mmCIF file of all heavy atoms, coordinates in Angstrom:
data_MODEL
# 
_entry.id   MODEL 
# 
loop_
_atom_site.group_PDB 
_atom_site.id 
_atom_site.type_symbol 
_atom_site.label_atom_id 
_atom_site.label_alt_id 
_atom_site.label_comp_id 
_atom_site.label_asym_id 
_atom_site.label_entity_id 
_atom_site.label_seq_id 
_atom_site.pdbx_PDB_ins_code 
_atom_site.Cartn_x 
_atom_site.Cartn_y 
_atom_site.Cartn_z 
_atom_site.occupancy 
_atom_site.B_iso_or_equiv 
_atom_site.pdbx_formal_charge 
_atom_site.auth_seq_id 
_atom_site.auth_comp_id 
_atom_site.auth_asym_id 
_atom_site.auth_atom_id 
_atom_site.pdbx_PDB_model_num 
ATOM 1   N N   . ALA A 1 1  ? -0.527 -1.139  -17.721 1.00 0.00 ? 1  ALA A N   1 
ATOM 2   C CA  . ALA A 1 1  ? -1.715 -1.216  -16.868 1.00 0.00 ? 1  ALA A CA  1 
ATOM 3   C C   . ALA A 1 1  ? -1.483 -2.222  -15.740 1.00 0.00 ? 1  ALA A C   1 
ATOM 4   O O   . ALA A 1 1  ? -1.751 -1.943  -14.531 1.00 0.00 ? 1  ALA A O   1 
ATOM 5   C CB  . ALA A 1 1  ? -2.933 -1.603  -17.672 1.00 0.00 ? 1  ALA A CB  1 
ATOM 6   N N   . ARG A 1 2  ? -1.010 -3.429  -16.059 1.00 0.00 ? 2  ARG A N   1 
ATOM 7   C CA  . ARG A 1 2  ? -0.796 -4.440  -15.062 1.00 0.00 ? 2  ARG A CA  1 
ATOM 8   C C   . ARG A 1 2  ? 0.371  -4.024  -14.177 1.00 0.00 ? 2  ARG A C   1 
ATOM 9   O O   . ARG A 1 2  ? 0.317  -4.300  -12.920 1.00 0.00 ? 2  ARG A O   1 
ATOM 10  C CB  . ARG A 1 2  ? -0.525 -5.785  -15.706 1.00 0.00 ? 2  ARG A CB  1 
ATOM 11  C CG  . ARG A 1 2  ? -0.446 -6.949  -14.730 1.00 0.00 ? 2  ARG A CG  1 
ATOM 12  C CD  . ARG A 1 2  ? -0.232 -8.282  -15.465 1.00 0.00 ? 2  ARG A CD  1 
ATOM 13  N NE  . ARG A 1 2  ? -1.354 -8.592  -16.339 1.00 0.00 ? 2  ARG A NE  1 
ATOM 14  C CZ  . ARG A 1 2  ? -1.292 -9.584  -17.222 1.00 0.00 ? 2  ARG A CZ  1 
ATOM 15  N NH1 . ARG A 1 2  ? -0.211 -10.298 -17.344 1.00 0.00 ? 2  ARG A NH1 1 
ATOM 16  N NH2 . ARG A 1 2  ? -2.358 -9.823  -18.022 1.00 0.00 ? 2  ARG A NH2 1 
ATOM 17  N N   . ALA A 1 3  ? 1.426  -3.462  -14.684 1.00 0.00 ? 3  ALA A N   1 
ATOM 18  C CA  . ALA A 1 3  ? 2.515  -3.011  -13.946 1.00 0.00 ? 3  ALA A CA  1 
ATOM 19  C C   . ALA A 1 3  ? 2.094  -1.977  -12.920 1.00 0.00 ? 3  ALA A C   1 
ATOM 20  O O   . ALA A 1 3  ? 2.591  -2.031  -11.768 1.00 0.00 ? 3  ALA A O   1 
ATOM 21  C CB  . ALA A 1 3  ? 3.625  -2.504  -14.816 1.00 0.00 ? 3  ALA A CB  1 
ATOM 22  N N   . GLN A 1 4  ? 1.293  -1.046  -13.292 1.00 0.00 ? 4  GLN A N   1 
ATOM 23  C CA  . GLN A 1 4  ? 0.795  -0.021  -12.348 1.00 0.00 ? 4  GLN A CA  1 
ATOM 24  C C   . GLN A 1 4  ? -0.085 -0.677  -11.321 1.00 0.00 ? 4  GLN A C   1 
ATOM 25  O O   . GLN A 1 4  ? -0.076 -0.209  -10.123 1.00 0.00 ? 4  GLN A O   1 
ATOM 26  C CB  . GLN A 1 4  ? 0.121  1.075   -13.084 1.00 0.00 ? 4  GLN A CB  1 
ATOM 27  C CG  . GLN A 1 4  ? 1.059  1.952   -13.909 1.00 0.00 ? 4  GLN A CG  1 
ATOM 28  C CD  . GLN A 1 4  ? 0.336  3.014   -14.755 1.00 0.00 ? 4  GLN A CD  1 
ATOM 29  O OE1 . GLN A 1 4  ? -0.842 3.199   -14.563 1.00 0.00 ? 4  GLN A OE1 1 
ATOM 30  N NE2 . GLN A 1 4  ? 1.069  3.729   -15.575 1.00 0.00 ? 4  GLN A NE2 1 
ATOM 31  N N   . ALA A 1 5  ? -0.885 -1.657  -11.686 1.00 0.00 ? 5  ALA A N   1 
ATOM 32  C CA  . ALA A 1 5  ? -1.775 -2.346  -10.679 1.00 0.00 ? 5  ALA A CA  1 
ATOM 33  C C   . ALA A 1 5  ? -0.918 -3.040  -9.627  1.00 0.00 ? 5  ALA A C   1 
ATOM 34  O O   . ALA A 1 5  ? -1.210 -2.992  -8.438  1.00 0.00 ? 5  ALA A O   1 
ATOM 35  C CB  . ALA A 1 5  ? -2.652 -3.315  -11.433 1.00 0.00 ? 5  ALA A CB  1 
ATOM 36  N N   . TYR A 1 6  ? 0.128  -3.695  -10.092 1.00 0.00 ? 6  TYR A N   1 
ATOM 37  C CA  . TYR A 1 6  ? 1.038  -4.411  -9.144  1.00 0.00 ? 6  TYR A CA  1 
ATOM 38  C C   . TYR A 1 6  ? 1.706  -3.368  -8.288  1.00 0.00 ? 6  TYR A C   1 
ATOM 39  O O   . TYR A 1 6  ? 1.943  -3.593  -7.026  1.00 0.00 ? 6  TYR A O   1 
ATOM 40  C CB  . TYR A 1 6  ? 2.082  -5.253  -9.888  1.00 0.00 ? 6  TYR A CB  1 
ATOM 41  C CG  . TYR A 1 6  ? 1.596  -6.591  -10.338 1.00 0.00 ? 6  TYR A CG  1 
ATOM 42  C CD1 . TYR A 1 6  ? 1.859  -7.067  -11.591 1.00 0.00 ? 6  TYR A CD1 1 
ATOM 43  C CD2 . TYR A 1 6  ? 0.917  -7.413  -9.463  1.00 0.00 ? 6  TYR A CD2 1 
ATOM 44  C CE1 . TYR A 1 6  ? 1.471  -8.347  -12.023 1.00 0.00 ? 6  TYR A CE1 1 
ATOM 45  C CE2 . TYR A 1 6  ? 0.501  -8.677  -9.885  1.00 0.00 ? 6  TYR A CE2 1 
ATOM 46  C CZ  . TYR A 1 6  ? 0.761  -9.135  -11.106 1.00 0.00 ? 6  TYR A CZ  1 
ATOM 47  O OH  . TYR A 1 6  ? 0.348  -10.368 -11.568 1.00 0.00 ? 6  TYR A OH  1 
ATOM 48  N N   . ALA A 1 7  ? 2.195  -2.258  -8.893  1.00 0.00 ? 7  ALA A N   1 
ATOM 49  C CA  . ALA A 1 7  ? 2.846  -1.260  -8.116  1.00 0.00 ? 7  ALA A CA  1 
ATOM 50  C C   . ALA A 1 7  ? 1.868  -0.668  -6.980  1.00 0.00 ? 7  ALA A C   1 
ATOM 51  O O   . ALA A 1 7  ? 2.279  -0.469  -5.845  1.00 0.00 ? 7  ALA A O   1 
ATOM 52  C CB  . ALA A 1 7  ? 3.317  -0.087  -8.979  1.00 0.00 ? 7  ALA A CB  1 
ATOM 53  N N   . GLY A 1 8  ? 0.607  -0.469  -7.398  1.00 0.00 ? 8  GLY A N   1 
ATOM 54  C CA  . GLY A 1 8  ? -0.372 0.016   -6.441  1.00 0.00 ? 8  GLY A CA  1 
ATOM 55  C C   . GLY A 1 8  ? -0.626 -1.031  -5.339  1.00 0.00 ? 8  GLY A C   1 
ATOM 56  O O   . GLY A 1 8  ? -0.827 -0.677  -4.187  1.00 0.00 ? 8  GLY A O   1 
ATOM 57  N N   . PHE A 1 9  ? -0.633 -2.316  -5.724  1.00 0.00 ? 9  PHE A N   1 
ATOM 58  C CA  . PHE A 1 9  ? -0.899 -3.364  -4.745  1.00 0.00 ? 9  PHE A CA  1 
ATOM 59  C C   . PHE A 1 9  ? 0.193  -3.428  -3.740  1.00 0.00 ? 9  PHE A C   1 
ATOM 60  O O   . PHE A 1 9  ? 0.002  -3.599  -2.544  1.00 0.00 ? 9  PHE A O   1 
ATOM 61  C CB  . PHE A 1 9  ? -0.983 -4.690  -5.546  1.00 0.00 ? 9  PHE A CB  1 
ATOM 62  C CG  . PHE A 1 9  ? -1.410 -5.884  -4.635  1.00 0.00 ? 9  PHE A CG  1 
ATOM 63  C CD1 . PHE A 1 9  ? -2.713 -6.071  -4.349  1.00 0.00 ? 9  PHE A CD1 1 
ATOM 64  C CD2 . PHE A 1 9  ? -0.371 -6.798  -4.265  1.00 0.00 ? 9  PHE A CD2 1 
ATOM 65  C CE1 . PHE A 1 9  ? -3.076 -7.203  -3.629  1.00 0.00 ? 9  PHE A CE1 1 
ATOM 66  C CE2 . PHE A 1 9  ? -0.776 -7.874  -3.471  1.00 0.00 ? 9  PHE A CE2 1 
ATOM 67  C CZ  . PHE A 1 9  ? -2.104 -8.112  -3.148  1.00 0.00 ? 9  PHE A CZ  1 
ATOM 68  N N   . ALA A 1 10 ? 1.478  -3.323  -4.221  1.00 0.00 ? 10 ALA A N   1 
ATOM 69  C CA  . ALA A 1 10 ? 2.595  -3.307  -3.306  1.00 0.00 ? 10 ALA A CA  1 
ATOM 70  C C   . ALA A 1 10 ? 2.653  -2.051  -2.470  1.00 0.00 ? 10 ALA A C   1 
ATOM 71  O O   . ALA A 1 10 ? 2.961  -2.072  -1.266  1.00 0.00 ? 10 ALA A O   1 
ATOM 72  C CB  . ALA A 1 10 ? 3.890  -3.479  -4.138  1.00 0.00 ? 10 ALA A CB  1 
ATOM 73  N N   . ALA A 1 11 ? 2.392  -0.925  -3.119  1.00 0.00 ? 11 ALA A N   1 
ATOM 74  C CA  . ALA A 1 11 ? 2.468  0.358   -2.433  1.00 0.00 ? 11 ALA A CA  1 
ATOM 75  C C   . ALA A 1 11 ? 1.424  0.474   -1.285  1.00 0.00 ? 11 ALA A C   1 
ATOM 76  O O   . ALA A 1 11 ? 1.714  0.970   -0.197  1.00 0.00 ? 11 ALA A O   1 
ATOM 77  C CB  . ALA A 1 11 ? 2.284  1.530   -3.431  1.00 0.00 ? 11 ALA A CB  1 
ATOM 78  N N   . ILE A 1 12 ? 0.230  -0.040  -1.532  1.00 0.00 ? 12 ILE A N   1 
ATOM 79  C CA  . ILE A 1 12 ? -0.822 0.056   -0.485  1.00 0.00 ? 12 ILE A CA  1 
ATOM 80  C C   . ILE A 1 12 ? -0.450 -0.772  0.746   1.00 0.00 ? 12 ILE A C   1 
ATOM 81  O O   . ILE A 1 12 ? -0.797 -0.468  1.829   1.00 0.00 ? 12 ILE A O   1 
ATOM 82  C CB  . ILE A 1 12 ? -2.183 -0.418  -1.016  1.00 0.00 ? 12 ILE A CB  1 
ATOM 83  C CG1 . ILE A 1 12 ? -3.334 0.206   -0.213  1.00 0.00 ? 12 ILE A CG1 1 
ATOM 84  C CG2 . ILE A 1 12 ? -2.303 -1.949  -1.119  1.00 0.00 ? 12 ILE A CG2 1 
ATOM 85  C CD1 . ILE A 1 12 ? -3.487 1.654   -0.271  1.00 0.00 ? 12 ILE A CD1 1 
ATOM 86  N N   . ALA A 1 13 ? 0.369  -1.866  0.503   1.00 0.00 ? 13 ALA A N   1 
ATOM 87  C CA  . ALA A 1 13 ? 0.848  -2.671  1.651   1.00 0.00 ? 13 ALA A CA  1 
ATOM 88  C C   . ALA A 1 13 ? 1.774  -1.836  2.506   1.00 0.00 ? 13 ALA A C   1 
ATOM 89  O O   . ALA A 1 13 ? 1.698  -1.835  3.747   1.00 0.00 ? 13 ALA A O   1 
ATOM 90  C CB  . ALA A 1 13 ? 1.537  -3.950  1.171   1.00 0.00 ? 13 ALA A CB  1 
ATOM 91  N N   . GLY A 1 14 ? 2.709  -1.127  1.837   1.00 0.00 ? 14 GLY A N   1 
ATOM 92  C CA  . GLY A 1 14 ? 3.617  -0.260  2.632   1.00 0.00 ? 14 GLY A CA  1 
ATOM 93  C C   . GLY A 1 14 ? 2.861  0.891   3.265   1.00 0.00 ? 14 GLY A C   1 
ATOM 94  O O   . GLY A 1 14 ? 3.237  1.223   4.431   1.00 0.00 ? 14 GLY A O   1 
ATOM 95  N N   . ILE A 1 15 ? 1.865  1.425   2.597   1.00 0.00 ? 15 ILE A N   1 
ATOM 96  C CA  . ILE A 1 15 ? 1.087  2.550   3.164   1.00 0.00 ? 15 ILE A CA  1 
ATOM 97  C C   . ILE A 1 15 ? 0.342  2.065   4.366   1.00 0.00 ? 15 ILE A C   1 
ATOM 98  O O   . ILE A 1 15 ? 0.283  2.675   5.408   1.00 0.00 ? 15 ILE A O   1 
ATOM 99  C CB  . ILE A 1 15 ? 0.223  3.137   2.083   1.00 0.00 ? 15 ILE A CB  1 
ATOM 100 C CG1 . ILE A 1 15 ? 0.996  3.868   1.059   1.00 0.00 ? 15 ILE A CG1 1 
ATOM 101 C CG2 . ILE A 1 15 ? -0.807 4.052   2.764   1.00 0.00 ? 15 ILE A CG2 1 
ATOM 102 C CD1 . ILE A 1 15 ? 0.180  4.226   -0.217  1.00 0.00 ? 15 ILE A CD1 1 
ATOM 103 N N   . ALA A 1 16 ? -0.327 0.886   4.244   1.00 0.00 ? 16 ALA A N   1 
ATOM 104 C CA  . ALA A 1 16 ? -1.139 0.351   5.337   1.00 0.00 ? 16 ALA A CA  1 
ATOM 105 C C   . ALA A 1 16 ? -0.259 0.010   6.515   1.00 0.00 ? 16 ALA A C   1 
ATOM 106 O O   . ALA A 1 16 ? -0.622 0.264   7.703   1.00 0.00 ? 16 ALA A O   1 
ATOM 107 C CB  . ALA A 1 16 ? -1.807 -0.959  4.873   1.00 0.00 ? 16 ALA A CB  1 
ATOM 108 N N   . ALA A 1 17 ? 0.948  -0.536  6.290   1.00 0.00 ? 17 ALA A N   1 
ATOM 109 C CA  . ALA A 1 17 ? 1.838  -0.821  7.423   1.00 0.00 ? 17 ALA A CA  1 
ATOM 110 C C   . ALA A 1 17 ? 2.297  0.452   8.105   1.00 0.00 ? 17 ALA A C   1 
ATOM 111 O O   . ALA A 1 17 ? 2.467  0.523   9.345   1.00 0.00 ? 17 ALA A O   1 
ATOM 112 C CB  . ALA A 1 17 ? 3.088  -1.574  6.908   1.00 0.00 ? 17 ALA A CB  1 
ATOM 113 N N   . GLY A 1 18 ? 2.431  1.562   7.323   1.00 0.00 ? 18 GLY A N   1 
ATOM 114 C CA  . GLY A 1 18 ? 2.878  2.796   7.877   1.00 0.00 ? 18 GLY A CA  1 
ATOM 115 C C   . GLY A 1 18 ? 1.847  3.610   8.664   1.00 0.00 ? 18 GLY A C   1 
ATOM 116 O O   . GLY A 1 18 ? 2.084  4.096   9.743   1.00 0.00 ? 18 GLY A O   1 
ATOM 117 N N   . ILE A 1 19 ? 0.586  3.561   8.092   1.00 0.00 ? 19 ILE A N   1 
ATOM 118 C CA  . ILE A 1 19 ? -0.464 4.367   8.784   1.00 0.00 ? 19 ILE A CA  1 
ATOM 119 C C   . ILE A 1 19 ? -1.277 3.521   9.771   1.00 0.00 ? 19 ILE A C   1 
ATOM 120 O O   . ILE A 1 19 ? -2.122 4.009   10.489  1.00 0.00 ? 19 ILE A O   1 
ATOM 121 C CB  . ILE A 1 19 ? -1.414 5.045   7.773   1.00 0.00 ? 19 ILE A CB  1 
ATOM 122 C CG1 . ILE A 1 19 ? -2.267 4.012   7.003   1.00 0.00 ? 19 ILE A CG1 1 
ATOM 123 C CG2 . ILE A 1 19 ? -0.668 5.891   6.816   1.00 0.00 ? 19 ILE A CG2 1 
ATOM 124 C CD1 . ILE A 1 19 ? -3.349 4.639   6.204   1.00 0.00 ? 19 ILE A CD1 1 
ATOM 125 N N   . GLY A 1 20 ? -0.985 2.191   9.740   1.00 0.00 ? 20 GLY A N   1 
ATOM 126 C CA  . GLY A 1 20 ? -1.681 1.324   10.725  1.00 0.00 ? 20 GLY A CA  1 
ATOM 127 C C   . GLY A 1 20 ? -1.625 1.868   12.182  1.00 0.00 ? 20 GLY A C   1 
ATOM 128 O O   . GLY A 1 20 ? -2.606 1.899   12.915  1.00 0.00 ? 20 GLY A O   1 
ATOM 129 N N   . PRO A 1 21 ? -0.389 2.281   12.660  1.00 0.00 ? 21 PRO A N   1 
ATOM 130 C CA  . PRO A 1 21 ? -0.329 2.804   14.003  1.00 0.00 ? 21 PRO A CA  1 
ATOM 131 C C   . PRO A 1 21 ? -1.153 4.019   14.307  1.00 0.00 ? 21 PRO A C   1 
ATOM 132 O O   . PRO A 1 21 ? -1.668 4.185   15.399  1.00 0.00 ? 21 PRO A O   1 
ATOM 133 C CB  . PRO A 1 21 ? 1.170  3.107   14.168  1.00 0.00 ? 21 PRO A CB  1 
ATOM 134 C CG  . PRO A 1 21 ? 1.864  2.157   13.223  1.00 0.00 ? 21 PRO A CG  1 
ATOM 135 C CD  . PRO A 1 21 ? 0.961  2.106   12.019  1.00 0.00 ? 21 PRO A CD  1 
ATOM 136 N N   . ILE A 1 22 ? -1.303 4.877   13.270  1.00 0.00 ? 22 ILE A N   1 
ATOM 137 C CA  . ILE A 1 22 ? -2.143 6.067   13.431  1.00 0.00 ? 22 ILE A CA  1 
ATOM 138 C C   . ILE A 1 22 ? -3.616 5.665   13.564  1.00 0.00 ? 22 ILE A C   1 
ATOM 139 O O   . ILE A 1 22 ? -4.361 6.156   14.436  1.00 0.00 ? 22 ILE A O   1 
ATOM 140 C CB  . ILE A 1 22 ? -1.892 7.054   12.254  1.00 0.00 ? 22 ILE A CB  1 
ATOM 141 C CG1 . ILE A 1 22 ? -0.480 7.485   12.270  1.00 0.00 ? 22 ILE A CG1 1 
ATOM 142 C CG2 . ILE A 1 22 ? -2.843 8.228   12.418  1.00 0.00 ? 22 ILE A CG2 1 
ATOM 143 C CD1 . ILE A 1 22 ? -0.162 8.371   11.051  1.00 0.00 ? 22 ILE A CD1 1 
ATOM 144 N N   . ILE A 1 23 ? -4.059 4.729   12.708  1.00 0.00 ? 23 ILE A N   1 
ATOM 145 C CA  . ILE A 1 23 ? -5.428 4.309   12.731  1.00 0.00 ? 23 ILE A CA  1 
ATOM 146 C C   . ILE A 1 23 ? -5.686 3.626   14.115  1.00 0.00 ? 23 ILE A C   1 
ATOM 147 O O   . ILE A 1 23 ? -6.687 3.901   14.746  1.00 0.00 ? 23 ILE A O   1 
ATOM 148 C CB  . ILE A 1 23 ? -5.708 3.314   11.564  1.00 0.00 ? 23 ILE A CB  1 
ATOM 149 C CG1 . ILE A 1 23 ? -5.629 4.069   10.258  1.00 0.00 ? 23 ILE A CG1 1 
ATOM 150 C CG2 . ILE A 1 23 ? -7.057 2.639   11.752  1.00 0.00 ? 23 ILE A CG2 1 
ATOM 151 C CD1 . ILE A 1 23 ? -5.735 3.198   9.029   1.00 0.00 ? 23 ILE A CD1 1 
ATOM 152 N N   . GLY A 1 24 ? -4.776 2.804   14.558  1.00 0.00 ? 24 GLY A N   1 
ATOM 153 C CA  . GLY A 1 24 ? -4.963 2.131   15.815  1.00 0.00 ? 24 GLY A CA  1 
ATOM 154 C C   . GLY A 1 24 ? -4.955 3.113   16.950  1.00 0.00 ? 24 GLY A C   1 
ATOM 155 O O   . GLY A 1 24 ? -5.744 2.974   17.872  1.00 0.00 ? 24 GLY A O   1 
# 
């Protein structure tokens, strides 16, 4: 459970960095 939460936390950072230009 904690491992998946950390993975989600890290993954959302990569996703946010990637889709940030589209949102902007």
